[in-house]
Amino acid sequence: MTSHLTDLSWLAIGIATLAYYLLGALWFTPLFGAAWDTAIGHTRVRGERFSAAYYVVPLVSSLLVTVAMAVLAGATGTERPMDALVLGLVVGVGVALAVSVNNALTPHTPHPFRLGFITGGYHVVGIVAVTLIVA
């Protein structure tokens, strides 16, 4: 496992992390921001500011997912784009989407399936992109 970490392309990881993070900025603002807001019962106020954690935590999470996918790609010998696509979809749908939908199912979430599929969809697309970049 440790040898896999030293063999990683940290430039590819940096690029993939940034791509995943920027996808989130697009996904949760212009693309699905309004739908995500209603799914959690939030109304955005023009000029509303969020804490630094709102920006830092997704960046760190993007890095952790990217490193994990790079390790998985290396451990499975994933090098071809089609293999990277399959690995990204297996992890994206089988783990990220499933967990996102499951975690959204709380009695306090106004639209849990909408929240789960918006959030999970972001992770599926992001994980596939990250895997394509790092493989």
N, C-alpha and C. Protein backbone atom coordinates (compact mmCIF):
# COMPACT_ATOMS: atom_id res chain seq x y z
N MET A 1 0.83 -1.20 0.00
CA MET A 1 0.00 0.00 0.00
C MET A 1 0.87 1.25 0.00
N THR A 2 1.89 1.28 0.83
CA THR A 2 2.76 2.45 0.89
C THR A 2 3.47 2.67 -0.42
N SER A 3 3.87 1.59 -1.09
CA SER A 3 4.55 1.75 -2.37
C SER A 3 3.62 2.36 -3.41
N HIS A 4 2.32 2.08 -3.30
CA HIS A 4 1.37 2.70 -4.23
C HIS A 4 1.35 4.22 -4.05
N LEU A 5 1.49 4.70 -2.84
CA LEU A 5 1.46 6.14 -2.59
C LEU A 5 2.67 6.84 -3.20
N THR A 6 3.83 6.19 -3.15
CA THR A 6 5.03 6.83 -3.70
C THR A 6 5.04 6.79 -5.22
N ASP A 7 4.30 5.87 -5.81
CA ASP A 7 4.26 5.74 -7.27
C ASP A 7 3.21 6.62 -7.93
N LEU A 8 2.43 7.34 -7.15
CA LEU A 8 1.35 8.14 -7.71
C LEU A 8 1.88 9.37 -8.44
N SER A 9 1.15 9.79 -9.45
CA SER A 9 1.47 11.03 -10.15
C SER A 9 0.77 12.16 -9.41
N TRP A 10 1.54 12.89 -8.62
CA TRP A 10 0.94 13.95 -7.82
C TRP A 10 0.49 15.13 -8.67
N LEU A 11 1.07 15.30 -9.84
CA LEU A 11 0.58 16.33 -10.76
C LEU A 11 -0.82 15.96 -11.25
N ALA A 12 -0.99 14.72 -11.66
CA ALA A 12 -2.32 14.25 -12.09
C ALA A 12 -3.32 14.35 -10.95
N ILE A 13 -2.89 14.03 -9.74
CA ILE A 13 -3.77 14.12 -8.58
C ILE A 13 -4.18 15.57 -8.34
N GLY A 14 -3.24 16.49 -8.47
CA GLY A 14 -3.56 17.91 -8.29
C GLY A 14 -4.55 18.40 -9.33
N ILE A 15 -4.34 18.02 -10.58
CA ILE A 15 -5.25 18.42 -11.66
C ILE A 15 -6.63 17.80 -11.45
N ALA A 16 -6.67 16.51 -11.11
CA ALA A 16 -7.94 15.82 -10.90
C ALA A 16 -8.69 16.39 -9.70
N THR A 17 -7.97 16.71 -8.64
CA THR A 17 -8.60 17.30 -7.45
C THR A 17 -9.24 18.63 -7.81
N LEU A 18 -8.52 19.45 -8.52
CA LEU A 18 -9.05 20.75 -8.93
C LEU A 18 -10.27 20.58 -9.84
N ALA A 19 -10.21 19.63 -10.75
CA ALA A 19 -11.34 19.38 -11.65
C ALA A 19 -12.58 18.95 -10.87
N TYR A 20 -12.40 18.06 -9.90
CA TYR A 20 -13.52 17.57 -9.07
C TYR A 20 -14.12 18.72 -8.26
N TYR A 21 -13.25 19.53 -7.68
CA TYR A 21 -13.68 20.66 -6.87
C TYR A 21 -14.45 21.69 -7.72
N LEU A 22 -13.92 22.00 -8.88
CA LEU A 22 -14.59 22.98 -9.76
C LEU A 22 -15.89 22.42 -10.31
N LEU A 23 -15.94 21.11 -10.55
CA LEU A 23 -17.21 20.49 -10.96
C LEU A 23 -18.27 20.74 -9.88
N GLY A 24 -17.87 20.62 -8.61
CA GLY A 24 -18.80 20.87 -7.51
C GLY A 24 -19.31 22.31 -7.53
N ALA A 25 -18.43 23.25 -7.82
CA ALA A 25 -18.85 24.66 -7.89
C ALA A 25 -19.89 24.85 -8.99
N LEU A 26 -19.70 24.20 -10.11
CA LEU A 26 -20.68 24.28 -11.21
C LEU A 26 -21.95 23.50 -10.87
N TRP A 27 -21.78 22.30 -10.34
CA TRP A 27 -22.90 21.40 -10.08
C TRP A 27 -23.89 21.99 -9.07
N PHE A 28 -23.33 22.55 -7.98
CA PHE A 28 -24.18 23.01 -6.88
C PHE A 28 -24.54 24.49 -6.94
N THR A 29 -24.15 25.15 -8.02
CA THR A 29 -24.54 26.55 -8.19
C THR A 29 -25.37 26.70 -9.46
N PRO A 30 -24.75 26.86 -10.65
CA PRO A 30 -25.62 27.11 -11.81
C PRO A 30 -26.39 25.88 -12.30
N LEU A 31 -25.80 24.68 -12.20
CA LEU A 31 -26.47 23.51 -12.79
C LEU A 31 -27.64 23.01 -11.94
N PHE A 32 -27.37 22.68 -10.68
CA PHE A 32 -28.40 22.08 -9.83
C PHE A 32 -28.57 22.81 -8.50
N GLY A 33 -28.04 24.02 -8.40
CA GLY A 33 -28.10 24.75 -7.14
C GLY A 33 -29.50 24.97 -6.61
N ALA A 34 -30.41 25.40 -7.47
CA ALA A 34 -31.78 25.66 -7.03
C ALA A 34 -32.47 24.37 -6.60
N ALA A 35 -32.28 23.31 -7.36
CA ALA A 35 -32.88 22.02 -7.01
C ALA A 35 -32.29 21.47 -5.72
N TRP A 36 -30.98 21.65 -5.53
CA TRP A 36 -30.32 21.20 -4.31
C TRP A 36 -30.85 21.99 -3.11
N ASP A 37 -30.99 23.29 -3.28
CA ASP A 37 -31.53 24.13 -2.20
C ASP A 37 -32.91 23.66 -1.76
N THR A 38 -33.80 23.41 -2.72
CA THR A 38 -35.15 22.96 -2.34
C THR A 38 -35.11 21.57 -1.72
N ALA A 39 -34.17 20.74 -2.16
CA ALA A 39 -34.06 19.39 -1.60
C ALA A 39 -33.71 19.42 -0.12
N ILE A 40 -32.93 20.44 0.29
CA ILE A 40 -32.56 20.53 1.71
C ILE A 40 -33.41 21.55 2.47
N GLY A 41 -34.34 22.19 1.76
CA GLY A 41 -35.22 23.16 2.41
C GLY A 41 -34.54 24.49 2.68
N HIS A 42 -33.62 24.89 1.82
CA HIS A 42 -32.87 26.13 1.99
C HIS A 42 -33.27 27.13 0.91
N THR A 43 -33.34 28.39 1.29
CA THR A 43 -33.58 29.46 0.33
C THR A 43 -32.35 30.35 0.30
N ARG A 44 -31.74 30.46 -0.86
CA ARG A 44 -30.54 31.31 -0.99
C ARG A 44 -30.95 32.77 -1.00
N VAL A 45 -30.18 33.53 -0.29
CA VAL A 45 -30.39 34.97 -0.24
C VAL A 45 -29.27 35.61 -1.04
N ARG A 46 -29.62 36.53 -1.90
CA ARG A 46 -28.60 37.19 -2.73
C ARG A 46 -27.52 37.78 -1.84
N GLY A 47 -26.27 37.49 -2.17
CA GLY A 47 -25.14 37.99 -1.40
C GLY A 47 -24.82 37.16 -0.17
N GLU A 48 -25.52 36.05 0.01
CA GLU A 48 -25.28 35.19 1.17
C GLU A 48 -23.85 34.66 1.16
N ARG A 49 -23.20 34.68 2.29
CA ARG A 49 -21.82 34.21 2.43
C ARG A 49 -21.80 32.97 3.31
N PHE A 50 -20.96 32.04 2.92
CA PHE A 50 -20.79 30.81 3.68
C PHE A 50 -19.44 30.84 4.39
N SER A 51 -19.31 30.02 5.41
CA SER A 51 -18.05 29.95 6.15
C SER A 51 -16.96 29.35 5.28
N ALA A 52 -15.71 29.50 5.70
CA ALA A 52 -14.58 28.94 4.97
C ALA A 52 -14.70 27.43 4.85
N ALA A 53 -15.27 26.78 5.85
CA ALA A 53 -15.42 25.33 5.81
C ALA A 53 -16.24 24.88 4.61
N TYR A 54 -17.17 25.69 4.17
CA TYR A 54 -18.02 25.39 3.01
C TYR A 54 -17.19 25.21 1.74
N TYR A 55 -16.03 25.83 1.71
CA TYR A 55 -15.14 25.75 0.55
C TYR A 55 -13.95 24.82 0.80
N VAL A 56 -13.45 24.80 2.01
CA VAL A 56 -12.26 24.00 2.32
C VAL A 56 -12.58 22.51 2.42
N VAL A 57 -13.67 22.16 3.08
CA VAL A 57 -14.01 20.74 3.25
C VAL A 57 -14.21 20.04 1.90
N PRO A 58 -14.95 20.62 0.95
CA PRO A 58 -15.05 19.95 -0.36
C PRO A 58 -13.71 19.81 -1.08
N LEU A 59 -12.81 20.78 -0.91
CA LEU A 59 -11.50 20.69 -1.53
C LEU A 59 -10.71 19.52 -0.94
N VAL A 60 -10.71 19.42 0.38
CA VAL A 60 -10.01 18.31 1.05
C VAL A 60 -10.66 16.98 0.68
N SER A 61 -11.97 16.94 0.64
CA SER A 61 -12.67 15.71 0.26
C SER A 61 -12.34 15.32 -1.18
N SER A 62 -12.27 16.30 -2.06
CA SER A 62 -11.90 16.02 -3.45
C SER A 62 -10.50 15.42 -3.53
N LEU A 63 -9.59 15.94 -2.74
CA LEU A 63 -8.23 15.41 -2.70
C LEU A 63 -8.23 13.97 -2.19
N LEU A 64 -8.96 13.71 -1.11
CA LEU A 64 -8.98 12.35 -0.54
C LEU A 64 -9.58 11.34 -1.52
N VAL A 65 -10.67 11.71 -2.17
CA VAL A 65 -11.28 10.81 -3.15
C VAL A 65 -10.32 10.59 -4.32
N THR A 66 -9.67 11.64 -4.77
CA THR A 66 -8.74 11.53 -5.89
C THR A 66 -7.57 10.61 -5.56
N VAL A 67 -7.00 10.76 -4.38
CA VAL A 67 -5.90 9.88 -3.96
C VAL A 67 -6.40 8.44 -3.87
N ALA A 68 -7.58 8.24 -3.31
CA ALA A 68 -8.13 6.88 -3.20
C ALA A 68 -8.32 6.26 -4.58
N MET A 69 -8.83 7.03 -5.53
CA MET A 69 -9.05 6.50 -6.87
C MET A 69 -7.72 6.24 -7.58
N ALA A 70 -6.72 7.07 -7.33
CA ALA A 70 -5.39 6.83 -7.91
C ALA A 70 -4.79 5.55 -7.36
N VAL A 71 -4.95 5.32 -6.07
CA VAL A 71 -4.45 4.07 -5.46
C VAL A 71 -5.21 2.88 -6.03
N LEU A 72 -6.53 2.98 -6.13
CA LEU A 72 -7.32 1.89 -6.70
C LEU A 72 -6.95 1.62 -8.16
N ALA A 73 -6.76 2.68 -8.92
CA ALA A 73 -6.37 2.51 -10.33
C ALA A 73 -5.02 1.80 -10.41
N GLY A 74 -4.09 2.20 -9.56
CA GLY A 74 -2.77 1.55 -9.55
C GLY A 74 -2.85 0.11 -9.10
N ALA A 75 -3.64 -0.15 -8.06
CA ALA A 75 -3.75 -1.50 -7.51
C ALA A 75 -4.45 -2.46 -8.47
N THR A 76 -5.33 -1.93 -9.30
CA THR A 76 -6.06 -2.78 -10.26
C THR A 76 -5.42 -2.78 -11.64
N GLY A 77 -4.34 -2.02 -11.81
CA GLY A 77 -3.68 -1.96 -13.11
C GLY A 77 -4.48 -1.22 -14.15
N THR A 78 -5.32 -0.30 -13.70
CA THR A 78 -6.18 0.47 -14.62
C THR A 78 -5.35 1.53 -15.32
N GLU A 79 -5.22 1.39 -16.64
CA GLU A 79 -4.46 2.36 -17.42
C GLU A 79 -5.23 2.86 -18.64
N ARG A 80 -6.03 2.00 -19.24
CA ARG A 80 -6.78 2.38 -20.44
C ARG A 80 -8.02 3.18 -20.06
N PRO A 81 -8.42 4.13 -20.90
CA PRO A 81 -9.59 4.96 -20.59
C PRO A 81 -10.86 4.16 -20.33
N MET A 82 -11.11 3.10 -21.09
CA MET A 82 -12.32 2.31 -20.88
C MET A 82 -12.30 1.64 -19.51
N ASP A 83 -11.14 1.15 -19.11
CA ASP A 83 -11.02 0.53 -17.78
C ASP A 83 -11.20 1.58 -16.68
N ALA A 84 -10.67 2.78 -16.90
CA ALA A 84 -10.84 3.87 -15.93
C ALA A 84 -12.31 4.26 -15.83
N LEU A 85 -12.99 4.29 -16.96
CA LEU A 85 -14.42 4.60 -16.97
C LEU A 85 -15.20 3.56 -16.16
N VAL A 86 -14.90 2.30 -16.37
CA VAL A 86 -15.59 1.23 -15.63
C VAL A 86 -15.29 1.33 -14.14
N LEU A 87 -14.02 1.50 -13.78
CA LEU A 87 -13.67 1.62 -12.35
C LEU A 87 -14.37 2.82 -11.73
N GLY A 88 -14.36 3.96 -12.42
CA GLY A 88 -15.02 5.16 -11.91
C GLY A 88 -16.51 4.96 -11.73
N LEU A 89 -17.14 4.28 -12.68
CA LEU A 89 -18.59 4.02 -12.56
C LEU A 89 -18.90 3.04 -11.44
N VAL A 90 -18.08 2.01 -11.29
CA VAL A 90 -18.32 1.04 -10.21
C VAL A 90 -18.25 1.73 -8.85
N VAL A 91 -17.20 2.51 -8.64
CA VAL A 91 -17.06 3.20 -7.35
C VAL A 91 -18.07 4.34 -7.23
N GLY A 92 -18.27 5.08 -8.31
CA GLY A 92 -19.20 6.21 -8.28
C GLY A 92 -20.62 5.79 -8.00
N VAL A 93 -21.11 4.80 -8.76
CA VAL A 93 -22.50 4.35 -8.59
C VAL A 93 -22.62 3.42 -7.38
N GLY A 94 -21.69 2.47 -7.30
CA GLY A 94 -21.80 1.44 -6.26
C GLY A 94 -21.50 1.93 -4.86
N VAL A 95 -20.73 3.00 -4.74
CA VAL A 95 -20.40 3.51 -3.40
C VAL A 95 -20.97 4.92 -3.23
N ALA A 96 -20.51 5.88 -4.03
CA ALA A 96 -20.87 7.28 -3.80
C ALA A 96 -22.35 7.56 -3.97
N LEU A 97 -22.93 7.10 -5.06
CA LEU A 97 -24.36 7.34 -5.28
C LEU A 97 -25.19 6.60 -4.23
N ALA A 98 -24.84 5.35 -3.98
CA ALA A 98 -25.59 4.57 -2.99
C ALA A 98 -25.53 5.21 -1.60
N VAL A 99 -24.36 5.66 -1.20
CA VAL A 99 -24.21 6.29 0.12
C VAL A 99 -24.92 7.64 0.16
N SER A 100 -24.83 8.40 -0.93
CA SER A 100 -25.48 9.71 -0.96
C SER A 100 -26.99 9.58 -0.81
N VAL A 101 -27.60 8.65 -1.53
CA VAL A 101 -29.05 8.46 -1.43
C VAL A 101 -29.41 7.95 -0.04
N ASN A 102 -28.64 7.00 0.46
CA ASN A 102 -28.90 6.46 1.80
C ASN A 102 -28.80 7.56 2.87
N ASN A 103 -27.76 8.38 2.80
CA ASN A 103 -27.57 9.43 3.80
C ASN A 103 -28.63 10.53 3.71
N ALA A 104 -29.20 10.72 2.53
CA ALA A 104 -30.22 11.76 2.36
C ALA A 104 -31.57 11.36 2.96
N LEU A 105 -31.75 10.07 3.20
CA LEU A 105 -33.04 9.59 3.70
C LEU A 105 -33.16 9.80 5.21
N THR A 106 -33.37 11.05 5.58
CA THR A 106 -33.61 11.38 6.98
C THR A 106 -34.99 12.01 7.08
N PRO A 107 -35.60 11.94 8.25
CA PRO A 107 -36.93 12.55 8.39
C PRO A 107 -36.92 14.07 8.25
N HIS A 108 -35.73 14.69 8.29
CA HIS A 108 -35.63 16.14 8.25
C HIS A 108 -35.30 16.69 6.86
N THR A 109 -35.09 15.81 5.89
CA THR A 109 -34.77 16.26 4.53
C THR A 109 -36.07 16.35 3.75
N PRO A 110 -36.42 17.56 3.28
CA PRO A 110 -37.70 17.72 2.59
C PRO A 110 -37.84 16.85 1.34
N HIS A 111 -36.77 16.70 0.57
CA HIS A 111 -36.82 15.92 -0.68
C HIS A 111 -35.59 15.01 -0.72
N PRO A 112 -35.62 13.92 0.04
CA PRO A 112 -34.41 13.10 0.18
C PRO A 112 -33.91 12.47 -1.11
N PHE A 113 -34.80 11.99 -1.96
CA PHE A 113 -34.32 11.36 -3.19
C PHE A 113 -33.71 12.40 -4.14
N ARG A 114 -34.30 13.58 -4.20
CA ARG A 114 -33.72 14.64 -5.01
C ARG A 114 -32.32 14.98 -4.50
N LEU A 115 -32.21 15.15 -3.18
CA LEU A 115 -30.90 15.45 -2.59
C LEU A 115 -29.91 14.33 -2.86
N GLY A 116 -30.33 13.09 -2.65
CA GLY A 116 -29.43 11.95 -2.85
C GLY A 116 -28.95 11.83 -4.28
N PHE A 117 -29.86 12.02 -5.23
CA PHE A 117 -29.46 11.86 -6.63
C PHE A 117 -28.68 13.05 -7.16
N ILE A 118 -28.96 14.24 -6.67
CA ILE A 118 -28.15 15.40 -7.08
C ILE A 118 -26.74 15.26 -6.53
N THR A 119 -26.63 14.98 -5.25
CA THR A 119 -25.32 14.84 -4.62
C THR A 119 -24.59 13.62 -5.17
N GLY A 120 -25.29 12.49 -5.23
CA GLY A 120 -24.68 11.28 -5.75
C GLY A 120 -24.28 11.40 -7.21
N GLY A 121 -25.11 12.08 -8.00
CA GLY A 121 -24.78 12.29 -9.41
C GLY A 121 -23.50 13.09 -9.58
N TYR A 122 -23.34 14.09 -8.73
CA TYR A 122 -22.09 14.88 -8.74
C TYR A 122 -20.90 13.97 -8.47
N HIS A 123 -21.02 13.11 -7.48
CA HIS A 123 -19.89 12.24 -7.14
C HIS A 123 -19.63 11.21 -8.23
N VAL A 124 -20.65 10.70 -8.87
CA VAL A 124 -20.44 9.75 -9.97
C VAL A 124 -19.64 10.43 -11.08
N VAL A 125 -20.11 11.59 -11.52
CA VAL A 125 -19.41 12.31 -12.59
C VAL A 125 -18.00 12.69 -12.15
N GLY A 126 -17.87 13.18 -10.92
CA GLY A 126 -16.55 13.58 -10.41
C GLY A 126 -15.59 12.41 -10.28
N ILE A 127 -16.06 11.30 -9.77
CA ILE A 127 -15.20 10.13 -9.60
C ILE A 127 -14.79 9.55 -10.95
N VAL A 128 -15.70 9.53 -11.90
CA VAL A 128 -15.34 9.06 -13.25
C VAL A 128 -14.27 10.00 -13.84
N ALA A 129 -14.48 11.29 -13.72
CA ALA A 129 -13.50 12.26 -14.26
C ALA A 129 -12.15 12.10 -13.59
N VAL A 130 -12.15 12.00 -12.27
CA VAL A 130 -10.91 11.84 -11.52
C VAL A 130 -10.19 10.56 -11.95
N THR A 131 -10.93 9.47 -12.10
CA THR A 131 -10.31 8.21 -12.47
C THR A 131 -9.73 8.28 -13.88
N LEU A 132 -10.43 8.92 -14.78
CA LEU A 132 -9.89 9.09 -16.14
C LEU A 132 -8.60 9.91 -16.13
N ILE A 133 -8.53 10.91 -15.27
CA ILE A 133 -7.35 11.77 -15.21
C ILE A 133 -6.18 11.03 -14.58
N VAL A 134 -6.39 10.37 -13.46
CA VAL A 134 -5.26 9.77 -12.74
C VAL A 134 -4.81 8.43 -13.33
N ALA A 135 -5.70 7.76 -14.09
CA ALA A 135 -5.30 6.48 -14.69
C ALA A 135 -4.54 6.76 -15.97
